[in-house]
PDB file of N, CA and C in Angstrom:
ATOM      1  N   UNK A   1      97.250 118.253 121.535  1.00  0.00           N
ATOM      2  CA  UNK A   1      97.896 117.016 121.899  1.00  0.00           C
ATOM      3  C   UNK A   1      96.830 115.953 122.130  1.00  0.00           C
ATOM      4  N   UNK A   2      97.100 114.748 121.676  1.00  0.00           N
ATOM      5  CA  UNK A   2      96.172 113.647 121.872  1.00  0.00           C
ATOM      6  C   UNK A   2      96.472 112.878 123.142  1.00  0.00           C
ATOM      7  N   UNK A   3      95.715 111.851 123.359  1.00  0.00           N
ATOM      8  CA  UNK A   3      95.900 110.977 124.510  1.00  0.00           C
ATOM      9  C   UNK A   3      96.091 109.551 124.020  1.00  0.00           C
ATOM     10  N   UNK A   4      96.964 108.824 124.677  1.00  0.00           N
ATOM     11  CA  UNK A   4      97.151 107.415 124.336  1.00  0.00           C
ATOM     12  C   UNK A   4      95.865 106.664 124.656  1.00  0.00           C
ATOM     13  N   UNK A   5      95.465 105.778 123.758  1.00  0.00           N
ATOM     14  CA  UNK A   5      94.243 105.003 123.947  1.00  0.00           C
ATOM     15  C   UNK A   5      94.574 103.542 124.177  1.00  0.00           C
ATOM     16  N   UNK A   6      93.801 102.932 125.033  1.00  0.00           N
ATOM     17  CA  UNK A   6      93.841 101.488 125.220  1.00  0.00           C
ATOM     18  C   UNK A   6      92.434 100.994 124.938  1.00  0.00           C
ATOM     19  N   UNK A   7      92.324  99.976 124.082  1.00  0.00           N
ATOM     20  CA  UNK A   7      91.012  99.443 123.743  1.00  0.00           C
ATOM     21  C   UNK A   7      91.090  97.930 123.605  1.00  0.00           C
ATOM     22  N   UNK A   8      89.966  97.292 123.847  1.00  0.00           N
ATOM     23  CA  UNK A   8      89.892  95.854 123.604  1.00  0.00           C
ATOM     24  C   UNK A   8      89.781  95.602 122.108  1.00  0.00           C
ATOM     25  N   UNK A   9      90.111  94.395 121.688  1.00  0.00           N
ATOM     26  CA  UNK A   9      90.114  94.028 120.274  1.00  0.00           C
ATOM     27  C   UNK A   9      88.707  93.654 119.790  1.00  0.00           C
ATOM     28  N   UNK A  10      87.749  94.495 120.066  1.00  0.00           N
ATOM     29  CA  UNK A  10      86.365  94.264 119.669  1.00  0.00           C
ATOM     30  C   UNK A  10      85.800  95.528 119.025  1.00  0.00           C
ATOM     31  N   UNK A  11      84.726  95.356 118.279  1.00  0.00           N
ATOM     32  CA  UNK A  11      83.979  96.493 117.779  1.00  0.00           C
ATOM     33  C   UNK A  11      84.697  97.410 116.812  1.00  0.00           C
ATOM     34  N   UNK A  12      85.698  96.919 116.131  1.00  0.00           N
ATOM     35  CA  UNK A  12      86.382  97.736 115.142  1.00  0.00           C
ATOM     36  C   UNK A  12      87.437  98.674 115.690  1.00  0.00           C
ATOM     37  N   UNK A  13      87.756  98.563 116.955  1.00  0.00           N
ATOM     38  CA  UNK A  13      88.781  99.440 117.541  1.00  0.00           C
ATOM     39  C   UNK A  13      90.107  99.318 116.809  1.00  0.00           C
ATOM     40  N   UNK A  14      90.404  98.104 116.343  1.00  0.00           N
ATOM     41  CA  UNK A  14      91.686  97.907 115.663  1.00  0.00           C
ATOM     42  C   UNK A  14      91.725  98.537 114.276  1.00  0.00           C
ATOM     43  N   UNK A  15      90.595  99.067 113.805  1.00  0.00           N
ATOM     44  CA  UNK A  15      90.630  99.808 112.543  1.00  0.00           C
ATOM     45  C   UNK A  15      91.107 101.243 112.766  1.00  0.00           C
ATOM     46  N   UNK A  16      91.062 101.701 114.003  1.00  0.00           N
ATOM     47  CA  UNK A  16      91.526 103.045 114.336  1.00  0.00           C
ATOM     48  C   UNK A  16      92.857 103.035 115.066  1.00  0.00           C
ATOM     49  N   UNK A  17      93.045 102.024 115.901  1.00  0.00           N
ATOM     50  CA  UNK A  17      94.252 101.961 116.725  1.00  0.00           C
ATOM     51  C   UNK A  17      95.206 100.926 116.154  1.00  0.00           C
ATOM     52  N   UNK A  18      96.417 101.360 115.877  1.00  0.00           N
ATOM     53  CA  UNK A  18      97.486 100.454 115.455  1.00  0.00           C
ATOM     54  C   UNK A  18      98.263 100.105 116.718  1.00  0.00           C
ATOM     55  N   UNK A  19      98.232  98.827 117.077  1.00  0.00           N
ATOM     56  CA  UNK A  19      98.792  98.386 118.350  1.00  0.00           C
ATOM     57  C   UNK A  19     100.248  98.799 118.510  1.00  0.00           C
ATOM     58  N   UNK A  20     100.530  99.401 119.642  1.00  0.00           N
ATOM     59  CA  UNK A  20     101.868  99.873 120.022  1.00  0.00           C
ATOM     60  C   UNK A  20     102.416 100.964 119.104  1.00  0.00           C
ATOM     61  N   UNK A  21     101.537 101.589 118.331  1.00  0.00           N
ATOM     62  CA  UNK A  21     101.939 102.717 117.489  1.00  0.00           C
ATOM     63  C   UNK A  21     101.189 103.968 117.933  1.00  0.00           C
ATOM     64  N   UNK A  22      99.866 103.953 117.718  1.00  0.00           N
ATOM     65  CA  UNK A  22      99.072 105.109 118.130  1.00  0.00           C
ATOM     66  C   UNK A  22      98.134 104.771 119.288  1.00  0.00           C
ATOM     67  N   UNK A  23      98.358 103.635 119.884  1.00  0.00           N
ATOM     68  CA  UNK A  23      97.559 103.186 121.014  1.00  0.00           C
ATOM     69  C   UNK A  23      97.888 101.736 121.312  1.00  0.00           C
ATOM     70  N   UNK A  24      97.079 101.137 122.147  1.00  0.00           N
ATOM     71  CA  UNK A  24      97.314  99.754 122.540  1.00  0.00           C
ATOM     72  C   UNK A  24      96.008  98.982 122.416  1.00  0.00           C
ATOM     73  N   UNK A  25      96.084  97.814 121.781  1.00  0.00           N
ATOM     74  CA  UNK A  25      94.957  96.899 121.675  1.00  0.00           C
ATOM     75  C   UNK A  25      95.185  95.763 122.667  1.00  0.00           C
ATOM     76  N   UNK A  26      94.160  95.461 123.441  1.00  0.00           N
ATOM     77  CA  UNK A  26      94.230  94.406 124.449  1.00  0.00           C
ATOM     78  C   UNK A  26      93.243  93.307 124.066  1.00  0.00           C
ATOM     79  N   UNK A  27      93.641  92.056 124.265  1.00  0.00           N
ATOM     80  CA  UNK A  27      92.734  90.938 123.996  1.00  0.00           C
ATOM     81  C   UNK A  27      91.513  91.052 124.900  1.00  0.00           C
ATOM     82  N   UNK A  28      90.337  90.815 124.318  1.00  0.00           N
ATOM     83  CA  UNK A  28      89.114  90.904 125.116  1.00  0.00           C
ATOM     84  C   UNK A  28      89.133  89.847 126.218  1.00  0.00           C
ATOM     85  N   UNK A  29      88.446  90.149 127.274  1.00  0.00           N
ATOM     86  CA  UNK A  29      88.374  89.260 128.444  1.00  0.00           C
ATOM     87  C   UNK A  29      89.737  88.982 129.056  1.00  0.00           C
ATOM     88  N   UNK A  30      90.614  89.963 129.013  1.00  0.00           N
ATOM     89  CA  UNK A  30      91.943  89.796 129.591  1.00  0.00           C
ATOM     90  C   UNK A  30      92.259  90.967 130.523  1.00  0.00           C
ATOM     91  N   UNK A  31      91.666  90.965 131.714  1.00  0.00           N
ATOM     92  CA  UNK A  31      91.922  92.072 132.631  1.00  0.00           C
ATOM     93  C   UNK A  31      93.382  92.160 133.055  1.00  0.00           C
ATOM     94  N   UNK A  32      94.075  91.027 133.080  1.00  0.00           N
ATOM     95  CA  UNK A  32      95.496  91.048 133.444  1.00  0.00           C
ATOM     96  C   UNK A  32      96.309  91.810 132.406  1.00  0.00           C
ATOM     97  N   UNK A  33      96.019  91.554 131.123  1.00  0.00           N
ATOM     98  CA  UNK A  33      96.734  92.268 130.061  1.00  0.00           C
ATOM     99  C   UNK A  33      96.406  93.758 130.110  1.00  0.00           C
ATOM    100  N   UNK A  34      95.141  94.084 130.350  1.00  0.00           N
ATOM    101  CA  UNK A  34      94.753  95.489 130.467  1.00  0.00           C
ATOM    102  C   UNK A  34      95.535  96.164 131.594  1.00  0.00           C
ATOM    103  N   UNK A  35      95.625  95.507 132.733  1.00  0.00           N
ATOM    104  CA  UNK A  35      96.374  96.066 133.862  1.00  0.00           C
ATOM    105  C   UNK A  35      97.842  96.255 133.502  1.00  0.00           C
ATOM    106  N   UNK A  36      98.426  95.279 132.813  1.00  0.00           N
ATOM    107  CA  UNK A  36      99.833  95.383 132.403  1.00  0.00           C
ATOM    108  C   UNK A  36     100.050  96.561 131.459  1.00  0.00           C
ATOM    109  N   UNK A  37      99.148  96.727 130.496  1.00  0.00           N
ATOM    110  CA  UNK A  37      99.297  97.814 129.517  1.00  0.00           C
ATOM    111  C   UNK A  37      99.078  99.181 130.167  1.00  0.00           C
ATOM    112  N   UNK A  38      98.133  99.256 131.090  1.00  0.00           N
ATOM    113  CA  UNK A  38      97.945 100.510 131.822  1.00  0.00           C
ATOM    114  C   UNK A  38      99.187 100.852 132.635  1.00  0.00           C
ATOM    115  N   UNK A  39      99.761  99.851 133.285  1.00  0.00           N
ATOM    116  CA  UNK A  39     100.989 100.073 134.057  1.00  0.00           C
ATOM    117  C   UNK A  39     102.120 100.533 133.147  1.00  0.00           C
ATOM    118  N   UNK A  40     102.195  99.941 131.943  1.00  0.00           N
ATOM    119  CA  UNK A  40     103.215 100.349 130.980  1.00  0.00           C
ATOM    120  C   UNK A  40     103.072 101.827 130.645  1.00  0.00           C
ATOM    121  N   UNK A  41     101.854 102.252 130.324  1.00  0.00           N
ATOM    122  CA  UNK A  41     101.645 103.659 129.957  1.00  0.00           C
ATOM    123  C   UNK A  41     101.904 104.597 131.129  1.00  0.00           C
ATOM    124  N   UNK A  42     101.506 104.188 132.302  1.00  0.00           N
ATOM    125  CA  UNK A  42     101.748 105.033 133.478  1.00  0.00           C
ATOM    126  C   UNK A  42     103.232 105.220 133.762  1.00  0.00           C
ATOM    127  N   UNK A  43     104.022 104.210 133.448  1.00  0.00           N
ATOM    128  CA  UNK A  43     105.457 104.300 133.743  1.00  0.00           C
ATOM    129  C   UNK A  43     106.289 104.767 132.553  1.00  0.00           C
ATOM    130  N   UNK A  44     105.642 105.056 131.420  1.00  0.00           N
ATOM    131  CA  UNK A  44     106.357 105.490 130.218  1.00  0.00           C
ATOM    132  C   UNK A  44     105.716 106.740 129.628  1.00  0.00           C
ATOM    133  N   UNK A  45     105.990 107.896 130.209  1.00  0.00           N
ATOM    134  CA  UNK A  45     105.362 109.125 129.708  1.00  0.00           C
ATOM    135  C   UNK A  45     105.708 109.432 128.256  1.00  0.00           C
ATOM    136  N   UNK A  46     106.915 109.093 127.819  1.00  0.00           N
ATOM    137  CA  UNK A  46     107.292 109.357 126.429  1.00  0.00           C
ATOM    138  C   UNK A  46     106.413 108.547 125.473  1.00  0.00           C
ATOM    139  N   UNK A  47     106.185 107.287 125.797  1.00  0.00           N
ATOM    140  CA  UNK A  47     105.321 106.442 124.964  1.00  0.00           C
ATOM    141  C   UNK A  47     103.902 106.995 124.940  1.00  0.00           C
ATOM    142  N   UNK A  48     103.410 107.446 126.087  1.00  0.00           N
ATOM    143  CA  UNK A  48     102.060 108.031 126.154  1.00  0.00           C
ATOM    144  C   UNK A  48     101.934 109.213 125.219  1.00  0.00           C
ATOM    145  N   UNK A  49     102.907 110.110 125.272  1.00  0.00           N
ATOM    146  CA  UNK A  49     102.854 111.317 124.443  1.00  0.00           C
ATOM    147  C   UNK A  49     102.930 110.951 122.965  1.00  0.00           C
ATOM    148  N   UNK A  50     103.873 110.080 122.601  1.00  0.00           N
ATOM    149  CA  UNK A  50     104.025 109.694 121.194  1.00  0.00           C
ATOM    150  C   UNK A  50     102.764 109.018 120.665  1.00  0.00           C
ATOM    151  N   UNK A  51     102.196 108.098 121.439  1.00  0.00           N
ATOM    152  CA  UNK A  51     100.964 107.431 121.006  1.00  0.00           C
ATOM    153  C   UNK A  51      99.823 108.426 120.883  1.00  0.00           C
ATOM    154  N   UNK A  52      99.747 109.369 121.809  1.00  0.00           N
ATOM    155  CA  UNK A  52      98.696 110.375 121.750  1.00  0.00           C
ATOM    156  C   UNK A  52      98.795 111.246 120.510  1.00  0.00           C
ATOM    157  N   UNK A  53     100.001 111.661 120.181  1.00  0.00           N
ATOM    158  CA  UNK A  53     100.213 112.489 118.989  1.00  0.00           C
ATOM    159  C   UNK A  53      99.857 111.709 117.730  1.00  0.00           C
ATOM    160  N   UNK A  54     100.333 110.472 117.640  1.00  0.00           N
ATOM    161  CA  UNK A  54     100.044 109.642 116.460  1.00  0.00           C
ATOM    162  C   UNK A  54      98.556 109.324 116.354  1.00  0.00           C
ATOM    163  N   UNK A  55      97.924 109.071 117.484  1.00  0.00           N
ATOM    164  CA  UNK A  55      96.494 108.774 117.474  1.00  0.00           C
ATOM    165  C   UNK A  55      95.674 109.956 117.002  1.00  0.00           C
ATOM    166  N   UNK A  56      96.003 111.130 117.497  1.00  0.00           N
ATOM    167  CA  UNK A  56      95.286 112.342 117.075  1.00  0.00           C
ATOM    168  C   UNK A  56      95.458 112.586 115.580  1.00  0.00           C
ATOM    169  N   UNK A  57      96.684 112.404 115.086  1.00  0.00           N
ATOM    170  CA  UNK A  57      96.947 112.600 113.660  1.00  0.00           C
ATOM    171  C   UNK A  57      96.149 111.608 112.818  1.00  0.00           C
ATOM    172  N   UNK A  58      96.096 110.354 113.254  1.00  0.00           N
ATOM    173  CA  UNK A  58      95.349 109.344 112.498  1.00  0.00           C
ATOM    174  C   UNK A  58      93.870 109.711 112.407  1.00  0.00           C
ATOM    175  N   UNK A  59      93.293 110.147 113.503  1.00  0.00           N
ATOM    176  CA  UNK A  59      91.881 110.529 113.493  1.00  0.00           C
ATOM    177  C   UNK A  59      91.661 111.760 112.618  1.00  0.00           C
ATOM    178  N   UNK A  60      92.536 112.745 112.718  1.00  0.00           N
ATOM    179  CA  UNK A  60      92.402 113.941 111.879  1.00  0.00           C
ATOM    180  C   UNK A  60      92.532 113.582 110.402  1.00  0.00           C
ATOM    181  N   UNK A  61      93.469 112.686 110.078  1.00  0.00           N
ATOM    182  CA  UNK A  61      93.663 112.294 108.682  1.00  0.00           C
ATOM    183  C   UNK A  61      92.462 111.527 108.136  1.00  0.00           C
ATOM    184  N   UNK A  62      91.887 110.649 108.945  1.00  0.00           N
ATOM    185  CA  UNK A  62      90.787 109.802 108.476  1.00  0.00           C
ATOM    186  C   UNK A  62      89.425 110.479 108.550  1.00  0.00           C
ATOM    187  N   UNK A  63      89.250 111.407 109.499  1.00  0.00           N
ATOM    188  CA  UNK A  63      87.918 111.933 109.760  1.00  0.00           C
ATOM    189  C   UNK A  63      87.820 113.451 109.723  1.00  0.00           C
ATOM    190  N   UNK A  64      88.769 114.126 109.086  1.00  0.00           N
ATOM    191  CA  UNK A  64      88.659 115.577 108.954  1.00  0.00           C
ATOM    192  C   UNK A  64      87.463 115.898 108.061  1.00  0.00           C
ATOM    193  N   UNK A  65      86.945 117.105 108.197  1.00  0.00           N
ATOM    194  CA  UNK A  65      85.792 117.472 107.375  1.00  0.00           C
ATOM    195  C   UNK A  65      86.133 117.398 105.895  1.00  0.00           C
ATOM    196  N   UNK A  66      87.347 117.791 105.523  1.00  0.00           N
ATOM    197  CA  UNK A  66      87.757 117.707 104.119  1.00  0.00           C
ATOM    198  C   UNK A  66      87.761 116.279 103.608  1.00  0.00           C
ATOM    199  N   UNK A  67      88.237 115.350 104.426  1.00  0.00           N
ATOM    200  CA  UNK A  67      88.274 113.947 104.029  1.00  0.00           C
ATOM    201  C   UNK A  67      86.862 113.382 103.897  1.00  0.00           C
ATOM    202  N   UNK A  68      85.992 113.713 104.830  1.00  0.00           N
ATOM    203  CA  UNK A  68      84.611 113.229 104.776  1.00  0.00           C
ATOM    204  C   UNK A  68      83.901 113.791 103.548  1.00  0.00           C
ATOM    205  N   UNK A  69      84.094 115.069 103.267  1.00  0.00           N
ATOM    206  CA  UNK A  69      83.480 115.682 102.084  1.00  0.00           C
ATOM    207  C   UNK A  69      83.993 115.009 100.824  1.00  0.00           C
ATOM    208  N   UNK A  70      85.283 114.787 100.739  1.00  0.00           N
ATOM    209  CA  UNK A  70      85.881 114.145  99.571  1.00  0.00           C
ATOM    210  C   UNK A  70      85.306 112.745  99.352  1.00  0.00           C
ATOM    211  N   UNK A  71      85.198 111.966 100.407  1.00  0.00           N
ATOM    212  CA  UNK A  71      84.655 110.603 100.288  1.00  0.00           C
ATOM    213  C   UNK A  71      83.180 110.629  99.904  1.00  0.00           C
ATOM    214  N   UNK A  72      82.431 111.586 100.471  1.00  0.00           N
ATOM    215  CA  UNK A  72      81.012 111.698 100.151  1.00  0.00           C
ATOM    216  C   UNK A  72      80.820 112.078  98.689  1.00  0.00           C
ATOM    217  N   UNK A  73      81.586 113.056  98.208  1.00  0.00           N
ATOM    218  CA  UNK A  73      81.491 113.458  96.801  1.00  0.00           C
ATOM    219  C   UNK A  73      81.864 112.311  95.872  1.00  0.00           C
ATOM    220  N   UNK A  74      82.874 111.546  96.225  1.00  0.00           N
ATOM    221  CA  UNK A  74      83.272 110.396  95.406  1.00  0.00           C
ATOM    222  C   UNK A  74      82.139 109.371  95.352  1.00  0.00           C
ATOM    223  N   UNK A  75      81.493 109.134  96.483  1.00  0.00           N
ATOM    224  CA  UNK A  75      80.377 108.188  96.513  1.00  0.00           C
ATOM    225  C   UNK A  75      79.248 108.670  95.617  1.00  0.00           C
ATOM    226  N   UNK A  76      78.887 109.955  95.720  1.00  0.00           N
ATOM    227  CA  UNK A  76      77.840 110.512  94.863  1.00  0.00           C
ATOM    228  C   UNK A  76      78.228 110.385  93.394  1.00  0.00           C
ATOM    229  N   UNK A  77      79.464 110.701  93.082  1.00  0.00           N
ATOM    230  CA  UNK A  77      79.944 110.606  91.705  1.00  0.00           C
ATOM    231  C   UNK A  77      79.840 109.166  91.202  1.00  0.00           C
ATOM    232  N   UNK A  78      80.271 108.216  92.010  1.00  0.00           N
ATOM    233  CA  UNK A  78      80.212 106.805  91.619  1.00  0.00           C
ATOM    234  C   UNK A  78      78.778 106.348  91.378  1.00  0.00           C
ATOM    235  N   UNK A  79      77.834 106.835  92.201  1.00  0.00           N
ATOM    236  CA  UNK A  79      76.431 106.459  92.041  1.00  0.00           C
ATOM    237  C   UNK A  79      75.873 107.054  90.753  1.00  0.00           C
ATOM    238  N   UNK A  80      76.163 108.317  90.485  1.00  0.00           N
ATOM    239  CA  UNK A  80      75.646 108.991  89.294  1.00  0.00           C
ATOM    240  C   UNK A  80      76.235 108.380  88.026  1.00  0.00           C
ATOM    241  N   UNK A  81      77.523 108.094  88.050  1.00  0.00           N
ATOM    242  CA  UNK A  81      78.193 107.541  86.871  1.00  0.00           C
ATOM    243  C   UNK A  81      77.874 106.066  86.662  1.00  0.00           C
ATOM    244  N   UNK A  82      77.372 105.424  87.685  1.00  0.00           N
ATOM    245  CA  UNK A  82      76.978 104.022  87.591  1.00  0.00           C
ATOM    246  C   UNK A  82      78.125 103.126  87.747  1.00  0.00           C
TER     247      UNK A  82
END
């Protein structure tokens, strides 16, 4: 089982987290919004579980060893073939 993630909208976090789907993205420099979103997750266990499951699946799909090997082999192939 995964865990629901909350992240600021900096540093590429939004490339991994789809807001209100597999986690929550908060505007940077907005502690009030962060507090609101944390309160939301604390009071909504079903949302926490669903986001955690979706987040774990997204990471497994994007970063599994099979996926990394496949992308690496494709890159090598593209370089060799020109």
